[in-house]
Structures are given as C-alpha cells and as structure tokens.
C-alpha cells in the first residue's frame, strides 16, 4: 500500500479511487486524502493525526483537502460525501 501520510509529497496526486462515505463515529477512512461534499451542511471530520473532530459548514460542491480519518456521524448533516483515495 502506498504511503498516504501528510509527510509524503506524492500523496497529493489525483485520486486513484473514489468511495461514498457513510458518516460513522467508528469507520476509519485509511488512506483518504480529500472529501467532496455534494449536499450542503456540516461535516464533522477527524483528520489522520488528530484526536478530536473539527466541524466545517460547507455549501454543496465543496472539496475538503484533508487527510480524513473519520467523517463523524455525530454533527454531520451534509450529504453525498465522497472520499478521494
């Protein structure tokens, strides 16, 4: 598996895989390097090196350039979230 940690400059190349995200307080998005939010709302995201989630209120069609570990079910109201791997 390639190194998708933030310290790897190659991790910022275009995605090789896309996957729909179901917000969950438990599911890990290992290797995720960005999120696309199709439906406006709040996205509660825990980044790969964080211990607490951060909330973003975004309009539809937003790309969040974040190495996301989790999209938390608690506090997330946005829809149609896609993970970039």
N, C-alpha and C. Protein backbone atom coordinates (compact mmCIF):
# COMPACT_ATOMS: atom_id res chain seq x y z
N UNK A 1 0.84 -1.18 0.00
CA UNK A 1 0.00 0.00 0.00
C UNK A 1 0.88 1.24 0.00
N UNK A 2 0.60 2.21 -0.85
CA UNK A 2 1.39 3.45 -0.87
C UNK A 2 1.27 4.22 0.44
N UNK A 3 2.24 5.08 0.68
CA UNK A 3 2.26 5.92 1.87
C UNK A 3 1.40 7.16 1.62
N UNK A 4 0.24 7.24 2.26
CA UNK A 4 -0.66 8.38 2.09
C UNK A 4 -0.65 9.30 3.29
N UNK A 5 0.46 9.32 4.02
CA UNK A 5 0.56 10.23 5.15
C UNK A 5 0.89 11.64 4.66
N UNK A 6 0.55 12.65 5.43
CA UNK A 6 0.81 14.03 5.00
C UNK A 6 2.28 14.32 4.74
N UNK A 7 3.20 13.54 5.31
CA UNK A 7 4.63 13.79 5.10
C UNK A 7 5.12 13.32 3.73
N UNK A 8 4.28 12.61 2.98
CA UNK A 8 4.64 12.11 1.66
C UNK A 8 4.13 13.08 0.59
N UNK A 9 5.02 13.81 -0.10
CA UNK A 9 4.55 14.77 -1.10
C UNK A 9 3.78 14.12 -2.24
N UNK A 10 4.01 12.85 -2.55
CA UNK A 10 3.28 12.16 -3.61
C UNK A 10 1.84 11.90 -3.26
N UNK A 11 1.47 12.08 -2.00
CA UNK A 11 0.09 11.83 -1.57
C UNK A 11 -0.88 12.85 -2.14
N UNK A 12 -0.38 13.94 -2.71
CA UNK A 12 -1.26 14.98 -3.23
C UNK A 12 -1.58 14.81 -4.71
N UNK A 13 -1.17 13.72 -5.31
CA UNK A 13 -1.52 13.46 -6.71
C UNK A 13 -3.00 13.15 -6.82
N UNK A 14 -3.58 13.18 -8.02
CA UNK A 14 -5.00 12.91 -8.19
C UNK A 14 -5.42 11.55 -7.60
N UNK A 15 -6.67 11.46 -7.27
CA UNK A 15 -7.21 10.24 -6.66
C UNK A 15 -7.16 9.08 -7.64
N UNK A 16 -6.94 7.89 -7.10
CA UNK A 16 -6.98 6.66 -7.90
C UNK A 16 -8.24 5.87 -7.60
N UNK A 17 -8.98 6.29 -6.56
CA UNK A 17 -10.21 5.58 -6.18
C UNK A 17 -11.14 6.58 -5.50
N UNK A 18 -12.45 6.42 -5.73
CA UNK A 18 -13.48 7.21 -5.07
C UNK A 18 -14.42 6.27 -4.35
N UNK A 19 -14.93 6.71 -3.21
CA UNK A 19 -15.86 5.86 -2.47
C UNK A 19 -16.86 6.73 -1.72
N UNK A 20 -18.11 6.33 -1.76
CA UNK A 20 -19.15 7.03 -1.00
C UNK A 20 -18.86 6.85 0.49
N UNK A 21 -19.13 7.90 1.26
CA UNK A 21 -18.88 7.88 2.69
C UNK A 21 -20.20 7.90 3.44
N UNK A 22 -20.37 6.95 4.33
CA UNK A 22 -21.48 6.97 5.26
C UNK A 22 -20.90 7.44 6.59
N UNK A 23 -21.31 8.62 7.07
CA UNK A 23 -20.75 9.11 8.33
C UNK A 23 -20.88 8.07 9.44
N UNK A 24 -19.80 7.89 10.18
CA UNK A 24 -19.75 6.91 11.26
C UNK A 24 -18.72 7.36 12.29
N UNK A 25 -19.04 7.18 13.54
CA UNK A 25 -18.08 7.51 14.60
C UNK A 25 -17.01 6.44 14.74
N UNK A 26 -17.16 5.31 14.04
CA UNK A 26 -16.23 4.19 14.18
C UNK A 26 -15.45 3.85 12.92
N UNK A 27 -16.02 4.07 11.74
CA UNK A 27 -15.39 3.64 10.49
C UNK A 27 -14.20 4.53 10.14
N UNK A 28 -13.03 3.88 9.89
CA UNK A 28 -11.82 4.60 9.51
C UNK A 28 -11.73 4.71 7.99
N UNK A 29 -11.29 5.86 7.52
CA UNK A 29 -11.10 6.11 6.09
C UNK A 29 -9.60 6.09 5.78
N UNK A 30 -8.95 5.01 6.12
CA UNK A 30 -7.50 4.90 5.97
C UNK A 30 -7.06 5.18 4.54
N UNK A 31 -6.16 6.13 4.37
CA UNK A 31 -5.66 6.48 3.05
C UNK A 31 -6.44 7.58 2.35
N UNK A 32 -7.50 8.08 2.97
CA UNK A 32 -8.31 9.15 2.36
C UNK A 32 -7.49 10.43 2.32
N UNK A 33 -7.49 11.10 1.16
CA UNK A 33 -6.74 12.34 1.04
C UNK A 33 -7.57 13.53 0.60
N UNK A 34 -8.87 13.40 0.69
CA UNK A 34 -9.76 14.51 0.39
C UNK A 34 -11.20 14.06 0.43
N UNK A 35 -12.11 15.00 0.65
CA UNK A 35 -13.54 14.72 0.67
C UNK A 35 -14.26 15.71 -0.24
N UNK A 36 -15.19 15.21 -1.02
CA UNK A 36 -16.08 16.04 -1.81
C UNK A 36 -17.44 15.97 -1.15
N UNK A 37 -18.06 17.14 -0.93
CA UNK A 37 -19.36 17.20 -0.27
C UNK A 37 -20.39 17.67 -1.29
N UNK A 38 -21.30 16.80 -1.65
CA UNK A 38 -22.29 17.11 -2.68
C UNK A 38 -23.48 17.89 -2.18
N UNK A 39 -23.86 17.69 -0.91
CA UNK A 39 -25.02 18.36 -0.34
C UNK A 39 -24.62 19.26 0.81
N UNK A 40 -25.05 20.50 0.79
CA UNK A 40 -24.67 21.49 1.80
C UNK A 40 -24.98 21.02 3.21
N UNK A 41 -24.18 21.50 4.16
CA UNK A 41 -24.41 21.18 5.57
C UNK A 41 -23.11 21.21 6.34
N UNK A 42 -23.13 20.57 7.48
CA UNK A 42 -21.95 20.49 8.34
C UNK A 42 -21.30 19.13 8.19
N UNK A 43 -19.97 19.15 8.07
CA UNK A 43 -19.18 17.91 8.02
C UNK A 43 -18.29 17.92 9.25
N UNK A 44 -18.41 16.91 10.08
CA UNK A 44 -17.62 16.78 11.29
C UNK A 44 -16.52 15.75 10.99
N UNK A 45 -15.28 16.23 10.82
CA UNK A 45 -14.17 15.41 10.32
C UNK A 45 -13.07 15.28 11.37
N UNK A 46 -12.54 14.07 11.51
CA UNK A 46 -11.33 13.85 12.29
C UNK A 46 -10.21 13.58 11.30
N UNK A 47 -9.17 14.42 11.32
CA UNK A 47 -8.02 14.25 10.42
C UNK A 47 -7.12 13.14 10.95
N UNK A 48 -6.24 12.64 10.10
CA UNK A 48 -5.47 11.44 10.43
C UNK A 48 -4.55 11.59 11.63
N UNK A 49 -4.09 12.78 11.97
CA UNK A 49 -3.21 12.96 13.12
C UNK A 49 -3.88 13.67 14.29
N UNK A 50 -5.20 13.78 14.25
CA UNK A 50 -5.92 14.49 15.31
C UNK A 50 -6.58 13.51 16.27
N UNK A 51 -6.94 14.03 17.43
CA UNK A 51 -7.66 13.22 18.42
C UNK A 51 -9.07 13.74 18.62
N UNK A 52 -9.40 14.85 17.98
CA UNK A 52 -10.75 15.41 18.07
C UNK A 52 -11.20 15.84 16.68
N UNK A 53 -12.50 15.79 16.47
CA UNK A 53 -13.07 16.17 15.18
C UNK A 53 -13.24 17.68 15.09
N UNK A 54 -13.24 18.19 13.85
CA UNK A 54 -13.46 19.61 13.57
C UNK A 54 -14.65 19.71 12.63
N UNK A 55 -15.53 20.67 12.87
CA UNK A 55 -16.72 20.85 12.04
C UNK A 55 -16.50 21.93 10.99
N UNK A 56 -16.95 21.63 9.77
CA UNK A 56 -16.93 22.57 8.66
C UNK A 56 -18.35 22.72 8.16
N UNK A 57 -18.83 23.93 8.04
CA UNK A 57 -20.13 24.18 7.42
C UNK A 57 -19.83 24.60 5.99
N UNK A 58 -20.31 23.79 5.03
CA UNK A 58 -19.90 23.97 3.64
C UNK A 58 -21.11 24.01 2.70
N UNK A 59 -20.97 24.71 1.57
CA UNK A 59 -22.01 24.67 0.55
C UNK A 59 -21.86 23.40 -0.29
N UNK A 60 -22.88 23.09 -1.07
CA UNK A 60 -22.83 21.94 -1.96
C UNK A 60 -21.68 22.10 -2.95
N UNK A 61 -21.01 20.99 -3.26
CA UNK A 61 -19.94 21.00 -4.23
C UNK A 61 -18.58 21.39 -3.67
N UNK A 62 -18.41 21.28 -2.36
CA UNK A 62 -17.16 21.66 -1.71
C UNK A 62 -16.17 20.50 -1.71
N UNK A 63 -14.91 20.80 -2.02
CA UNK A 63 -13.83 19.84 -1.90
C UNK A 63 -13.02 20.21 -0.66
N UNK A 64 -12.94 19.28 0.29
CA UNK A 64 -12.15 19.49 1.50
C UNK A 64 -10.82 18.77 1.34
N UNK A 65 -9.72 19.50 1.20
CA UNK A 65 -8.41 18.87 1.04
C UNK A 65 -7.84 18.45 2.40
N UNK A 66 -8.35 17.36 2.93
CA UNK A 66 -7.97 16.91 4.26
C UNK A 66 -7.70 15.41 4.25
N UNK A 67 -6.65 15.00 4.96
CA UNK A 67 -6.38 13.58 5.14
C UNK A 67 -7.33 13.10 6.24
N UNK A 68 -8.54 12.73 5.85
CA UNK A 68 -9.58 12.40 6.81
C UNK A 68 -9.42 10.98 7.34
N UNK A 69 -9.52 10.85 8.64
CA UNK A 69 -9.52 9.53 9.27
C UNK A 69 -10.97 9.06 9.45
N UNK A 70 -11.85 10.00 9.83
CA UNK A 70 -13.27 9.68 10.04
C UNK A 70 -14.14 10.86 9.62
N UNK A 71 -15.31 10.55 9.11
CA UNK A 71 -16.39 11.53 8.98
C UNK A 71 -17.40 11.11 10.03
N UNK A 72 -17.47 11.89 11.08
CA UNK A 72 -18.28 11.52 12.24
C UNK A 72 -19.78 11.62 11.94
N UNK A 73 -20.53 10.64 12.43
CA UNK A 73 -21.98 10.68 12.30
C UNK A 73 -22.54 11.79 13.19
N UNK A 74 -21.95 11.94 14.36
CA UNK A 74 -22.35 12.98 15.28
C UNK A 74 -21.96 14.34 14.73
N UNK A 75 -22.92 15.18 14.45
CA UNK A 75 -22.65 16.53 13.99
C UNK A 75 -22.57 16.71 12.48
N UNK A 76 -22.65 15.63 11.71
CA UNK A 76 -22.59 15.75 10.25
C UNK A 76 -24.01 15.77 9.68
N UNK A 77 -24.32 16.84 8.94
CA UNK A 77 -25.63 16.95 8.29
C UNK A 77 -25.49 17.01 6.77
N UNK A 78 -24.28 17.24 6.26
CA UNK A 78 -24.04 17.28 4.82
C UNK A 78 -24.31 15.91 4.21
N UNK A 79 -24.60 15.89 2.91
CA UNK A 79 -24.92 14.63 2.24
C UNK A 79 -24.03 14.44 1.02
N UNK A 80 -24.14 13.26 0.43
CA UNK A 80 -23.39 12.92 -0.79
C UNK A 80 -21.90 13.18 -0.63
N UNK A 81 -21.31 12.60 0.41
CA UNK A 81 -19.88 12.78 0.69
C UNK A 81 -19.11 11.67 0.00
N UNK A 82 -18.08 12.06 -0.73
CA UNK A 82 -17.24 11.12 -1.47
C UNK A 82 -15.81 11.25 -0.97
N UNK A 83 -15.17 10.12 -0.66
CA UNK A 83 -13.76 10.12 -0.24
C UNK A 83 -12.87 9.92 -1.46
N UNK A 84 -11.79 10.68 -1.52
CA UNK A 84 -10.77 10.54 -2.56
C UNK A 84 -9.61 9.75 -1.96
N UNK A 85 -9.23 8.67 -2.65
CA UNK A 85 -8.09 7.84 -2.21
C UNK A 85 -6.99 7.90 -3.22
